[in-house]
Amino acid sequence: MMRTRASFEDIAVGQPLMRLSKGPMTTTHIMRWSSAIENWHRIHYDWRFATGHDKLPDVLVNGSWKQHILAQVVKDGVGPAGWLWKIRFRYIKMNIAGDTIIAEATVTDKQVLGGLGFVTCRLSMTDQNDNVNTTGWAIGVMPLRGGPAVPYPFAVQPDFAHLQLPSDR
């Protein structure tokens, strides 16, 4: 699902900024991504190697693909006028062929600094059985209603250089 927010004022703390569902992942999806990024590790395309040699349950979904989906969920959530500024995540569990992957960014904080809106989001990725496989945090930057555009390229200004991603600890 893709929703485009018009401005910072259109979002609320505690609400999902965006949610994406991808899958079920097939070996074709996984191999296409591996090919696109030139990751030729056999655990991403060779079932016999993955399950026999490496004793994995199946062919693995690429971690870099999961990273891409987390960035997409924030970028799509802040809309075309917004900017993904910071992101940090941690893989908790592997995903395999056949999994459906659901990524969500939930707003935990909003701040206005330097005429721009900053949105802090808790990131989560689950599979079709609601098992969490990846968690993290992100900060997106959005225009205020009637305010200036987010500059491109986005550069850190003294007014908001202190903003940090929350700690998981």
N, C-alpha and C. Protein backbone atom coordinates (compact mmCIF):
# COMPACT_ATOMS: atom_id res chain seq x y z
N MET A 1 0.85 -1.17 0.00
CA MET A 1 0.00 0.00 0.00
C MET A 1 0.89 1.22 0.00
N MET A 2 0.60 2.16 -0.85
CA MET A 2 1.39 3.39 -0.89
C MET A 2 0.47 4.57 -0.66
N ARG A 3 0.81 5.36 0.35
CA ARG A 3 0.08 6.59 0.64
C ARG A 3 1.09 7.72 0.55
N THR A 4 0.69 8.80 -0.07
CA THR A 4 1.55 9.96 -0.13
C THR A 4 0.99 11.02 0.81
N ARG A 5 1.81 11.47 1.71
CA ARG A 5 1.42 12.50 2.67
C ARG A 5 1.66 13.86 2.02
N ALA A 6 0.72 14.76 2.22
CA ALA A 6 0.87 16.10 1.67
C ALA A 6 1.88 16.90 2.47
N SER A 7 1.86 16.73 3.80
CA SER A 7 2.76 17.52 4.64
C SER A 7 2.94 16.85 6.00
N PHE A 8 3.84 17.40 6.76
CA PHE A 8 4.17 16.94 8.10
C PHE A 8 2.93 16.91 9.01
N GLU A 9 2.07 17.89 8.86
CA GLU A 9 0.88 17.99 9.71
C GLU A 9 -0.11 16.85 9.49
N ASP A 10 0.02 16.11 8.41
CA ASP A 10 -0.91 15.03 8.08
C ASP A 10 -0.62 13.72 8.81
N ILE A 11 0.42 13.68 9.62
CA ILE A 11 0.76 12.45 10.33
C ILE A 11 0.62 12.65 11.83
N ALA A 12 0.48 11.53 12.57
CA ALA A 12 0.32 11.59 14.02
C ALA A 12 1.24 10.58 14.69
N VAL A 13 1.74 10.94 15.87
CA VAL A 13 2.54 10.01 16.66
C VAL A 13 1.68 8.80 17.00
N GLY A 14 2.28 7.61 16.89
CA GLY A 14 1.57 6.37 17.17
C GLY A 14 0.92 5.73 15.95
N GLN A 15 0.87 6.45 14.86
CA GLN A 15 0.25 5.93 13.65
C GLN A 15 1.32 5.39 12.68
N PRO A 16 0.95 4.40 11.88
CA PRO A 16 1.90 3.95 10.86
C PRO A 16 2.15 5.06 9.84
N LEU A 17 3.40 5.29 9.53
CA LEU A 17 3.75 6.21 8.46
C LEU A 17 3.51 5.51 7.13
N MET A 18 3.84 4.21 7.09
CA MET A 18 3.69 3.42 5.88
C MET A 18 3.83 1.95 6.23
N ARG A 19 3.16 1.12 5.44
CA ARG A 19 3.26 -0.33 5.58
C ARG A 19 3.32 -0.93 4.17
N LEU A 20 4.26 -1.83 3.96
CA LEU A 20 4.42 -2.51 2.68
C LEU A 20 4.42 -4.01 2.90
N SER A 21 3.82 -4.73 1.98
CA SER A 21 3.85 -6.19 2.01
C SER A 21 4.45 -6.67 0.70
N LYS A 22 5.43 -7.55 0.79
CA LYS A 22 6.12 -8.08 -0.38
C LYS A 22 6.12 -9.60 -0.32
N GLY A 23 5.67 -10.22 -1.39
CA GLY A 23 5.76 -11.67 -1.43
C GLY A 23 4.42 -12.33 -1.68
N PRO A 24 4.40 -13.65 -1.55
CA PRO A 24 5.50 -14.49 -1.07
C PRO A 24 6.71 -14.44 -2.00
N MET A 25 7.88 -14.44 -1.37
CA MET A 25 9.13 -14.36 -2.12
C MET A 25 9.39 -15.70 -2.79
N THR A 26 9.70 -15.64 -4.07
CA THR A 26 10.04 -16.84 -4.81
C THR A 26 11.54 -16.89 -5.04
N THR A 27 12.03 -18.03 -5.44
CA THR A 27 13.45 -18.12 -5.77
C THR A 27 13.78 -17.21 -6.95
N THR A 28 12.82 -16.97 -7.82
CA THR A 28 13.03 -16.04 -8.94
C THR A 28 13.25 -14.62 -8.42
N HIS A 29 12.41 -14.17 -7.47
CA HIS A 29 12.61 -12.84 -6.87
C HIS A 29 14.01 -12.72 -6.28
N ILE A 30 14.38 -13.73 -5.52
CA ILE A 30 15.66 -13.71 -4.81
C ILE A 30 16.82 -13.70 -5.80
N MET A 31 16.73 -14.51 -6.84
CA MET A 31 17.80 -14.58 -7.83
C MET A 31 17.90 -13.29 -8.63
N ARG A 32 16.77 -12.68 -8.95
CA ARG A 32 16.80 -11.42 -9.69
C ARG A 32 17.53 -10.35 -8.88
N TRP A 33 17.24 -10.28 -7.57
CA TRP A 33 17.93 -9.29 -6.73
C TRP A 33 19.42 -9.62 -6.67
N SER A 34 19.75 -10.89 -6.45
CA SER A 34 21.15 -11.30 -6.39
C SER A 34 21.89 -10.91 -7.67
N SER A 35 21.24 -11.12 -8.80
CA SER A 35 21.85 -10.78 -10.08
C SER A 35 22.03 -9.27 -10.21
N ALA A 36 21.02 -8.51 -9.81
CA ALA A 36 21.08 -7.05 -9.96
C ALA A 36 22.22 -6.45 -9.14
N ILE A 37 22.49 -7.02 -7.97
CA ILE A 37 23.56 -6.46 -7.13
C ILE A 37 24.85 -7.28 -7.23
N GLU A 38 24.84 -8.28 -8.09
CA GLU A 38 25.99 -9.15 -8.32
C GLU A 38 26.45 -9.84 -7.04
N ASN A 39 25.49 -10.37 -6.31
CA ASN A 39 25.77 -11.19 -5.13
C ASN A 39 25.60 -12.64 -5.56
N TRP A 40 26.68 -13.32 -5.80
CA TRP A 40 26.62 -14.67 -6.34
C TRP A 40 26.77 -15.75 -5.28
N HIS A 41 26.54 -15.42 -4.02
CA HIS A 41 26.63 -16.45 -2.99
C HIS A 41 25.52 -17.47 -3.22
N ARG A 42 25.89 -18.73 -3.21
CA ARG A 42 24.97 -19.80 -3.59
C ARG A 42 23.78 -19.96 -2.64
N ILE A 43 23.84 -19.42 -1.44
CA ILE A 43 22.71 -19.53 -0.51
C ILE A 43 21.48 -18.78 -1.00
N HIS A 44 21.66 -17.93 -2.03
CA HIS A 44 20.55 -17.14 -2.56
C HIS A 44 19.93 -17.75 -3.82
N TYR A 45 20.51 -18.82 -4.35
CA TYR A 45 19.93 -19.40 -5.56
C TYR A 45 20.06 -20.92 -5.68
N ASP A 46 20.95 -21.52 -4.93
CA ASP A 46 21.22 -22.96 -5.08
C ASP A 46 20.65 -23.70 -3.87
N TRP A 47 19.45 -24.26 -4.03
CA TRP A 47 18.75 -24.92 -2.93
C TRP A 47 19.58 -26.05 -2.33
N ARG A 48 20.17 -26.89 -3.19
CA ARG A 48 20.96 -28.02 -2.66
C ARG A 48 22.15 -27.54 -1.83
N PHE A 49 22.81 -26.49 -2.29
CA PHE A 49 23.94 -25.94 -1.54
C PHE A 49 23.45 -25.32 -0.23
N ALA A 50 22.40 -24.50 -0.30
CA ALA A 50 21.88 -23.82 0.89
C ALA A 50 21.44 -24.82 1.95
N THR A 51 20.69 -25.83 1.55
CA THR A 51 20.14 -26.77 2.53
C THR A 51 21.13 -27.88 2.89
N GLY A 52 21.93 -28.32 1.93
CA GLY A 52 22.87 -29.41 2.17
C GLY A 52 24.16 -28.95 2.79
N HIS A 53 24.88 -28.08 2.08
CA HIS A 53 26.19 -27.63 2.54
C HIS A 53 26.10 -26.71 3.75
N ASP A 54 25.22 -25.68 3.68
CA ASP A 54 25.14 -24.69 4.75
C ASP A 54 24.06 -25.01 5.79
N LYS A 55 23.33 -26.09 5.57
CA LYS A 55 22.30 -26.56 6.53
C LYS A 55 21.24 -25.50 6.83
N LEU A 56 20.91 -24.69 5.83
CA LEU A 56 19.86 -23.68 5.96
C LEU A 56 18.51 -24.31 5.64
N PRO A 57 17.41 -23.70 6.08
CA PRO A 57 16.10 -24.29 5.81
C PRO A 57 15.65 -24.16 4.35
N ASP A 58 16.21 -23.22 3.61
CA ASP A 58 15.85 -23.00 2.21
C ASP A 58 16.79 -21.93 1.66
N VAL A 59 16.57 -21.50 0.44
CA VAL A 59 17.30 -20.38 -0.15
C VAL A 59 16.95 -19.13 0.65
N LEU A 60 17.94 -18.29 0.96
CA LEU A 60 17.73 -17.11 1.80
C LEU A 60 17.39 -15.87 0.98
N VAL A 61 16.49 -15.05 1.54
CA VAL A 61 16.24 -13.71 1.02
C VAL A 61 17.46 -12.86 1.35
N ASN A 62 17.88 -12.02 0.44
CA ASN A 62 19.06 -11.18 0.61
C ASN A 62 18.84 -10.11 1.67
N GLY A 63 19.81 -9.95 2.55
CA GLY A 63 19.74 -8.88 3.54
C GLY A 63 19.70 -7.51 2.90
N SER A 64 20.41 -7.34 1.79
CA SER A 64 20.41 -6.04 1.12
C SER A 64 19.04 -5.72 0.53
N TRP A 65 18.28 -6.73 0.15
CA TRP A 65 16.91 -6.51 -0.33
C TRP A 65 16.03 -6.03 0.82
N LYS A 66 16.20 -6.65 2.00
CA LYS A 66 15.43 -6.22 3.17
C LYS A 66 15.78 -4.77 3.53
N GLN A 67 17.05 -4.41 3.42
CA GLN A 67 17.48 -3.04 3.66
C GLN A 67 16.78 -2.09 2.70
N HIS A 68 16.71 -2.46 1.44
CA HIS A 68 16.04 -1.65 0.42
C HIS A 68 14.57 -1.44 0.79
N ILE A 69 13.89 -2.48 1.26
CA ILE A 69 12.47 -2.37 1.60
C ILE A 69 12.28 -1.44 2.80
N LEU A 70 13.18 -1.49 3.79
CA LEU A 70 13.08 -0.56 4.92
C LEU A 70 13.24 0.88 4.46
N ALA A 71 14.19 1.14 3.58
CA ALA A 71 14.37 2.49 3.05
C ALA A 71 13.13 2.91 2.26
N GLN A 72 12.56 1.99 1.48
CA GLN A 72 11.37 2.30 0.69
C GLN A 72 10.18 2.65 1.57
N VAL A 73 9.99 1.92 2.67
CA VAL A 73 8.82 2.17 3.51
C VAL A 73 8.90 3.58 4.12
N VAL A 74 10.09 4.05 4.47
CA VAL A 74 10.22 5.40 5.01
C VAL A 74 10.10 6.43 3.90
N LYS A 75 10.81 6.22 2.80
CA LYS A 75 10.78 7.20 1.70
C LYS A 75 9.37 7.35 1.14
N ASP A 76 8.68 6.24 0.91
CA ASP A 76 7.31 6.34 0.42
C ASP A 76 6.40 7.00 1.46
N GLY A 77 6.68 6.75 2.74
CA GLY A 77 5.87 7.33 3.81
C GLY A 77 6.00 8.84 3.91
N VAL A 78 7.20 9.37 3.72
CA VAL A 78 7.37 10.82 3.79
C VAL A 78 7.00 11.48 2.47
N GLY A 79 6.79 10.70 1.44
CA GLY A 79 6.31 11.22 0.16
C GLY A 79 7.41 11.78 -0.71
N PRO A 80 7.03 12.14 -1.94
CA PRO A 80 8.02 12.61 -2.90
C PRO A 80 8.69 13.92 -2.51
N ALA A 81 8.07 14.70 -1.62
CA ALA A 81 8.67 15.96 -1.18
C ALA A 81 9.54 15.76 0.06
N GLY A 82 9.56 14.54 0.62
CA GLY A 82 10.31 14.26 1.83
C GLY A 82 11.66 13.62 1.55
N TRP A 83 12.36 13.33 2.62
CA TRP A 83 13.72 12.80 2.52
C TRP A 83 13.95 11.80 3.66
N LEU A 84 14.48 10.64 3.36
CA LEU A 84 14.95 9.72 4.38
C LEU A 84 16.31 10.21 4.82
N TRP A 85 16.43 10.64 6.08
CA TRP A 85 17.68 11.24 6.54
C TRP A 85 18.58 10.23 7.22
N LYS A 86 18.05 9.48 8.19
CA LYS A 86 18.86 8.52 8.93
C LYS A 86 18.10 7.20 9.04
N ILE A 87 18.85 6.10 9.05
CA ILE A 87 18.25 4.79 9.23
C ILE A 87 19.26 3.86 9.89
N ARG A 88 18.74 3.02 10.78
CA ARG A 88 19.56 1.98 11.42
C ARG A 88 18.63 0.80 11.67
N PHE A 89 19.15 -0.40 11.45
CA PHE A 89 18.31 -1.59 11.63
C PHE A 89 19.18 -2.76 12.05
N ARG A 90 18.50 -3.81 12.52
CA ARG A 90 19.20 -5.01 12.98
C ARG A 90 18.42 -6.22 12.50
N TYR A 91 19.12 -7.13 11.82
CA TYR A 91 18.50 -8.39 11.40
C TYR A 91 18.41 -9.31 12.61
N ILE A 92 17.25 -9.89 12.82
CA ILE A 92 17.02 -10.79 13.95
C ILE A 92 16.86 -12.23 13.48
N LYS A 93 16.24 -12.41 12.34
CA LYS A 93 15.89 -13.73 11.83
C LYS A 93 16.04 -13.74 10.31
N MET A 94 16.40 -14.89 9.77
CA MET A 94 16.51 -15.05 8.32
C MET A 94 15.12 -15.15 7.71
N ASN A 95 15.03 -14.77 6.45
CA ASN A 95 13.84 -15.02 5.65
C ASN A 95 14.22 -15.93 4.51
N ILE A 96 13.28 -16.79 4.15
CA ILE A 96 13.54 -17.79 3.12
C ILE A 96 12.51 -17.68 2.00
N ALA A 97 12.79 -18.37 0.91
CA ALA A 97 11.84 -18.44 -0.19
C ALA A 97 10.50 -18.93 0.36
N GLY A 98 9.43 -18.31 -0.09
CA GLY A 98 8.09 -18.64 0.38
C GLY A 98 7.56 -17.67 1.41
N ASP A 99 8.46 -16.91 2.06
CA ASP A 99 8.02 -15.93 3.06
C ASP A 99 7.39 -14.71 2.39
N THR A 100 6.38 -14.17 3.04
CA THR A 100 5.86 -12.84 2.73
C THR A 100 6.46 -11.92 3.78
N ILE A 101 6.95 -10.79 3.34
CA ILE A 101 7.63 -9.87 4.24
C ILE A 101 6.82 -8.58 4.33
N ILE A 102 6.50 -8.21 5.57
CA ILE A 102 5.71 -7.01 5.83
C ILE A 102 6.60 -6.01 6.57
N ALA A 103 6.79 -4.84 6.00
CA ALA A 103 7.61 -3.79 6.61
C ALA A 103 6.70 -2.64 7.03
N GLU A 104 6.99 -2.08 8.20
CA GLU A 104 6.18 -0.97 8.70
C GLU A 104 7.06 0.04 9.41
N ALA A 105 6.73 1.31 9.19
CA ALA A 105 7.36 2.42 9.89
C ALA A 105 6.26 3.09 10.71
N THR A 106 6.43 3.11 12.04
CA THR A 106 5.44 3.71 12.94
C THR A 106 6.03 4.97 13.56
N VAL A 107 5.29 6.05 13.50
CA VAL A 107 5.76 7.35 13.99
C VAL A 107 5.83 7.32 15.52
N THR A 108 7.02 7.64 16.07
CA THR A 108 7.19 7.70 17.52
C THR A 108 7.45 9.12 18.02
N ASP A 109 7.83 10.03 17.11
CA ASP A 109 8.11 11.40 17.52
C ASP A 109 8.04 12.31 16.31
N LYS A 110 7.63 13.55 16.55
CA LYS A 110 7.61 14.60 15.53
C LYS A 110 8.22 15.86 16.11
N GLN A 111 9.04 16.53 15.31
CA GLN A 111 9.64 17.80 15.73
C GLN A 111 9.71 18.74 14.55
N VAL A 112 9.54 20.02 14.81
CA VAL A 112 9.75 21.05 13.80
C VAL A 112 11.05 21.76 14.15
N LEU A 113 11.98 21.74 13.24
CA LEU A 113 13.28 22.39 13.41
C LEU A 113 13.68 23.05 12.10
N GLY A 114 14.12 24.28 12.18
CA GLY A 114 14.60 24.97 10.98
C GLY A 114 13.58 25.05 9.87
N GLY A 115 12.29 25.11 10.21
CA GLY A 115 11.24 25.22 9.21
C GLY A 115 10.88 23.93 8.51
N LEU A 116 11.39 22.80 9.01
CA LEU A 116 11.11 21.48 8.42
C LEU A 116 10.55 20.55 9.49
N GLY A 117 9.82 19.54 9.07
CA GLY A 117 9.27 18.55 9.98
C GLY A 117 10.13 17.30 10.00
N PHE A 118 10.49 16.86 11.20
CA PHE A 118 11.30 15.65 11.38
C PHE A 118 10.43 14.58 12.02
N VAL A 119 10.41 13.41 11.42
CA VAL A 119 9.57 12.31 11.88
C VAL A 119 10.48 11.15 12.25
N THR A 120 10.43 10.73 13.52
CA THR A 120 11.18 9.56 13.96
C THR A 120 10.24 8.37 13.91
N CYS A 121 10.70 7.27 13.33
CA CYS A 121 9.87 6.08 13.15
C CYS A 121 10.56 4.83 13.69
N ARG A 122 9.78 3.99 14.30
CA ARG A 122 10.21 2.64 14.69
C ARG A 122 9.97 1.76 13.48
N LEU A 123 10.97 1.02 13.06
CA LEU A 123 10.86 0.13 11.91
C LEU A 123 10.69 -1.30 12.38
N SER A 124 9.85 -2.03 11.68
CA SER A 124 9.73 -3.47 11.96
C SER A 124 9.46 -4.20 10.66
N MET A 125 9.97 -5.41 10.62
CA MET A 125 9.72 -6.30 9.50
C MET A 125 9.29 -7.64 10.09
N THR A 126 8.18 -8.16 9.58
CA THR A 126 7.68 -9.45 10.04
C THR A 126 7.44 -10.35 8.84
N ASP A 127 7.24 -11.64 9.12
CA ASP A 127 6.86 -12.56 8.05
C ASP A 127 5.37 -12.82 8.12
N GLN A 128 4.89 -13.72 7.30
CA GLN A 128 3.46 -14.03 7.20
C GLN A 128 2.89 -14.60 8.50
N ASN A 129 3.75 -15.05 9.40
CA ASN A 129 3.31 -15.60 10.69
C ASN A 129 3.51 -14.60 11.84
N ASP A 130 3.74 -13.34 11.50
CA ASP A 130 3.98 -12.27 12.47
C ASP A 130 5.27 -12.45 13.27
N ASN A 131 6.21 -13.23 12.77
CA ASN A 131 7.52 -13.36 13.40
C ASN A 131 8.38 -12.17 13.00
N VAL A 132 8.89 -11.46 13.98
CA VAL A 132 9.75 -10.30 13.70
C VAL A 132 11.09 -10.79 13.19
N ASN A 133 11.54 -10.23 12.06
CA ASN A 133 12.84 -10.62 11.52
C ASN A 133 13.83 -9.47 11.44
N THR A 134 13.35 -8.23 11.51
CA THR A 134 14.23 -7.07 11.44
C THR A 134 13.57 -5.92 12.21
N THR A 135 14.38 -5.18 12.98
CA THR A 135 13.87 -4.00 13.69
C THR A 135 14.83 -2.84 13.46
N GLY A 136 14.36 -1.64 13.71
CA GLY A 136 15.24 -0.49 13.57
C GLY A 136 14.52 0.82 13.79
N TRP A 137 15.22 1.88 13.40
CA TRP A 137 14.75 3.25 13.55
C TRP A 137 15.10 4.06 12.31
N ALA A 138 14.32 5.09 12.06
CA ALA A 138 14.63 6.00 10.96
C ALA A 138 14.13 7.39 11.30
N ILE A 139 14.75 8.38 10.69
CA ILE A 139 14.26 9.76 10.76
C ILE A 139 14.06 10.24 9.33
N GLY A 140 12.85 10.72 9.07
CA GLY A 140 12.51 11.30 7.78
C GLY A 140 12.28 12.80 7.94
N VAL A 141 12.47 13.53 6.87
CA VAL A 141 12.28 14.98 6.86
C VAL A 141 11.17 15.28 5.86
N MET A 142 10.23 16.14 6.30
CA MET A 142 9.08 16.48 5.46
C MET A 142 8.88 17.99 5.44
N PRO A 143 8.26 18.48 4.38
CA PRO A 143 7.91 19.90 4.38
C PRO A 143 6.72 20.15 5.31
N LEU A 144 6.65 21.35 5.84
CA LEU A 144 5.48 21.79 6.60
C LEU A 144 4.44 22.31 5.61
N ARG A 145 3.20 22.24 5.98
CA ARG A 145 2.14 22.76 5.11
C ARG A 145 2.41 24.25 4.87
N GLY A 146 2.56 24.63 3.62
CA GLY A 146 2.84 26.01 3.27
C GLY A 146 4.27 26.44 3.53
N GLY A 147 5.11 25.49 3.97
CA GLY A 147 6.50 25.82 4.28
C GLY A 147 7.42 25.57 3.10
N PRO A 148 8.69 25.81 3.32
CA PRO A 148 9.66 25.60 2.23
C PRO A 148 9.84 24.11 1.92
N ALA A 149 10.30 23.85 0.74
CA ALA A 149 10.59 22.48 0.32
C ALA A 149 11.80 21.97 1.11
N VAL A 150 11.85 20.66 1.27
CA VAL A 150 13.04 20.04 1.85
C VAL A 150 14.15 20.21 0.81
N PRO A 151 15.28 20.79 1.20
CA PRO A 151 16.33 21.05 0.21
C PRO A 151 16.88 19.76 -0.39
N TYR A 152 17.23 19.85 -1.65
CA TYR A 152 17.88 18.73 -2.33
C TYR A 152 19.20 19.22 -2.88
N PRO A 153 20.30 18.60 -2.55
CA PRO A 153 20.38 17.49 -1.63
C PRO A 153 20.19 17.97 -0.20
N PHE A 154 19.67 17.08 0.64
CA PHE A 154 19.44 17.41 2.03
C PHE A 154 20.77 17.48 2.74
N ALA A 155 21.01 18.54 3.49
CA ALA A 155 22.28 18.71 4.21
C ALA A 155 21.98 19.07 5.66
N VAL A 156 22.79 18.56 6.56
CA VAL A 156 22.61 18.81 7.99
C VAL A 156 22.88 20.29 8.29
N GLN A 157 21.94 20.91 8.98
CA GLN A 157 22.08 22.29 9.44
C GLN A 157 22.30 22.27 10.95
N PRO A 158 22.89 23.32 11.52
CA PRO A 158 23.12 23.34 12.97
C PRO A 158 21.85 23.18 13.80
N ASP A 159 20.70 23.64 13.29
CA ASP A 159 19.44 23.56 14.04
C ASP A 159 19.02 22.12 14.36
N PHE A 160 19.40 21.17 13.53
CA PHE A 160 18.92 19.80 13.75
C PHE A 160 20.03 18.75 13.75
N ALA A 161 21.26 19.19 13.82
CA ALA A 161 22.37 18.24 13.83
C ALA A 161 22.36 17.36 15.08
N HIS A 162 21.69 17.79 16.15
CA HIS A 162 21.65 17.03 17.40
C HIS A 162 20.68 15.85 17.36
N LEU A 163 19.79 15.79 16.39
CA LEU A 163 18.81 14.70 16.32
C LEU A 163 19.51 13.36 16.13
N GLN A 164 19.18 12.40 16.96
CA GLN A 164 19.80 11.08 16.89
C GLN A 164 18.70 10.01 16.82
N LEU A 165 19.05 8.87 16.28
CA LEU A 165 18.15 7.73 16.28
C LEU A 165 18.07 7.18 17.71
N PRO A 166 16.89 6.77 18.15
CA PRO A 166 16.77 6.17 19.49
C PRO A 166 17.64 4.92 19.61
N SER A 167 17.97 4.59 20.82
CA SER A 167 18.77 3.40 21.09
C SER A 167 17.86 2.21 21.34
N ASP A 168 18.29 1.03 20.91
CA ASP A 168 17.55 -0.20 21.18
C ASP A 168 17.91 -0.77 22.54
N ARG A 169 18.85 -0.21 23.19
CA ARG A 169 19.33 -0.75 24.46
C ARG A 169 18.69 -0.07 25.63
